Protein backbone atom coordinates (compact mmCIF):
# COMPACT_ATOMS: atom_id res chain seq x y z
CA ARG A 1 7.01 -13.09 22.59
CA LEU A 2 6.30 -11.04 19.21
CA ALA A 3 3.92 -8.57 18.60
CA GLY A 4 3.23 -6.01 15.56
CA TRP A 5 1.48 -4.47 12.68
CA ARG A 6 1.65 -4.38 9.08
CA GLY A 7 -0.33 -1.72 6.60
CA GLY A 8 -0.34 -0.82 3.20
CA LEU A 9 -2.13 1.11 0.74
CA GLN A 10 -2.26 0.90 -3.19
CA GLN A 11 -3.82 3.68 -5.31
CA PRO A 12 -5.04 2.87 -9.03
CA MET A 13 -3.31 5.56 -11.38
CA GLY A 14 -5.14 4.36 -14.53
CA PRO A 15 -6.17 1.02 -16.07
CA THR A 16 -2.36 0.05 -16.61
CA LEU A 17 -0.46 1.62 -13.45
CA ALA A 18 -0.81 1.89 -9.80
CA VAL A 19 1.52 3.20 -6.68
CA PHE A 20 2.09 1.28 -3.52
CA GLY A 21 3.44 1.75 -0.31
CA THR A 22 3.51 -0.32 3.20
CA LEU A 23 4.67 0.29 6.93
CA ALA A 24 5.74 -2.11 9.31
CA TRP A 25 6.63 -2.53 12.88
CA GLU A 26 7.38 -5.09 15.21
CA ARG A 27 8.47 -5.91 18.46
CA ARG A 28 10.74 -9.11 19.39
CA ASN A 29 11.35 -10.31 23.13
CA PHE A 30 13.46 -13.11 23.16
CA GLY A 31 13.11 -15.33 26.56
CA GLY A 32 16.29 -16.03 28.90
CA GLN A 33 20.05 -14.26 28.37
CA ASP A 34 21.75 -14.92 25.18
CA PRO A 35 24.76 -17.01 26.01
CA LEU A 36 27.62 -14.41 24.56
CA PHE A 37 26.20 -11.38 25.18
CA LEU A 38 24.97 -11.96 28.78
CA ALA A 39 21.84 -9.67 27.84
CA GLN A 40 18.26 -10.60 27.35
CA ARG A 41 17.69 -9.97 23.45
CA ARG A 42 14.92 -7.39 22.53
CA ASP A 43 14.20 -6.18 18.81
CA ARG A 44 12.67 -3.58 17.53
CA GLN A 45 12.16 -3.54 13.72
CA TRP A 46 10.83 -0.75 11.18
CA SER A 47 10.13 -0.90 7.62
CA ALA A 48 8.74 0.73 4.82
CA SER A 49 7.91 0.19 1.09
CA VAL A 50 6.94 1.81 -1.85
CA GLY A 51 6.48 1.01 -5.51
CA VAL A 52 4.67 0.99 -8.81
CA SER A 53 2.61 -1.72 -10.30
CA TRP A 54 2.78 -1.53 -14.07
CA VAL A 55 0.58 -3.25 -16.82
CA PRO A 56 2.54 -2.95 -20.01
CA ALA A 57 0.81 -5.73 -22.37
CA PRO A 58 -1.79 -8.08 -21.62
CA GLN A 59 -1.36 -10.67 -18.93
CA TRP A 60 2.34 -9.04 -17.96
CA ARG A 61 3.29 -6.89 -14.84
CA VAL A 62 6.70 -5.42 -13.95
CA THR A 63 6.82 -3.56 -10.15
CA PRO A 64 9.97 -1.96 -9.23
CA GLN A 65 10.06 -1.24 -5.60
CA VAL A 66 12.33 0.24 -2.67
CA ALA A 67 12.15 -1.35 0.42
CA TRP A 68 14.02 -0.02 3.85
CA THR A 69 14.58 -1.89 7.11
CA ARG A 70 15.82 -0.86 10.02
CA THR A 71 16.54 -3.34 13.40
CA THR A 72 17.68 -2.11 16.89
CA SER A 73 18.59 -4.71 19.76
CA THR A 74 20.16 -4.86 22.77
CA VAL A 75 22.41 -7.52 21.15
CA PRO A 76 24.87 -5.35 19.02
CA LEU A 77 25.18 -8.25 16.01
CA ALA A 78 21.41 -8.09 15.70
CA GLU A 79 20.99 -4.66 14.75
CA TYR A 80 20.99 -3.72 10.81
CA ARG A 81 19.71 -1.24 8.03
CA ARG A 82 18.63 -2.52 4.81
CA THR A 83 17.82 -0.58 1.61
CA LEU A 84 16.58 -3.12 -0.99
CA VAL A 85 15.78 -2.00 -4.76
CA SER A 86 14.16 -4.72 -7.21
CA VAL A 87 12.06 -4.97 -10.14
CA ALA A 88 9.87 -7.78 -10.68
CA VAL A 89 8.50 -9.14 -14.15
CA ARG A 90 5.39 -11.48 -14.21
CA ARG A 91 3.84 -12.95 -16.48
CA GLU A 92 0.43 -14.18 -15.29
CA PHE A 93 -1.71 -17.31 -17.33
C-alpha cells in the first residue's frame, strides 16, 4: 500500500529566470514479512529539491538543481540518504 503527497512552487524572477522548489512524502507498507529480515517492511520517504530555470538565449534552457532524499525503513538495507546535484541543458524545438 502506497500513500503520499507531492507539491511544488515556481516563482518567476524576470523574463529569463525562475526559481522553483518541490517537497514530497511517501509511506509504503509491504504485505507479509521480508524473508531475509523476518520483519514486515514499512518505508517512509521525504524528498525536497530547489533549482533555477534560466533561459540564456531563445530556445535554450539551463536548469541547475539540488535534490535531497531520505528513506527510513524497518528493513535496514532499504534505508538511505541521497543528495543529487544536476544541471540540465535543453534546446526547445
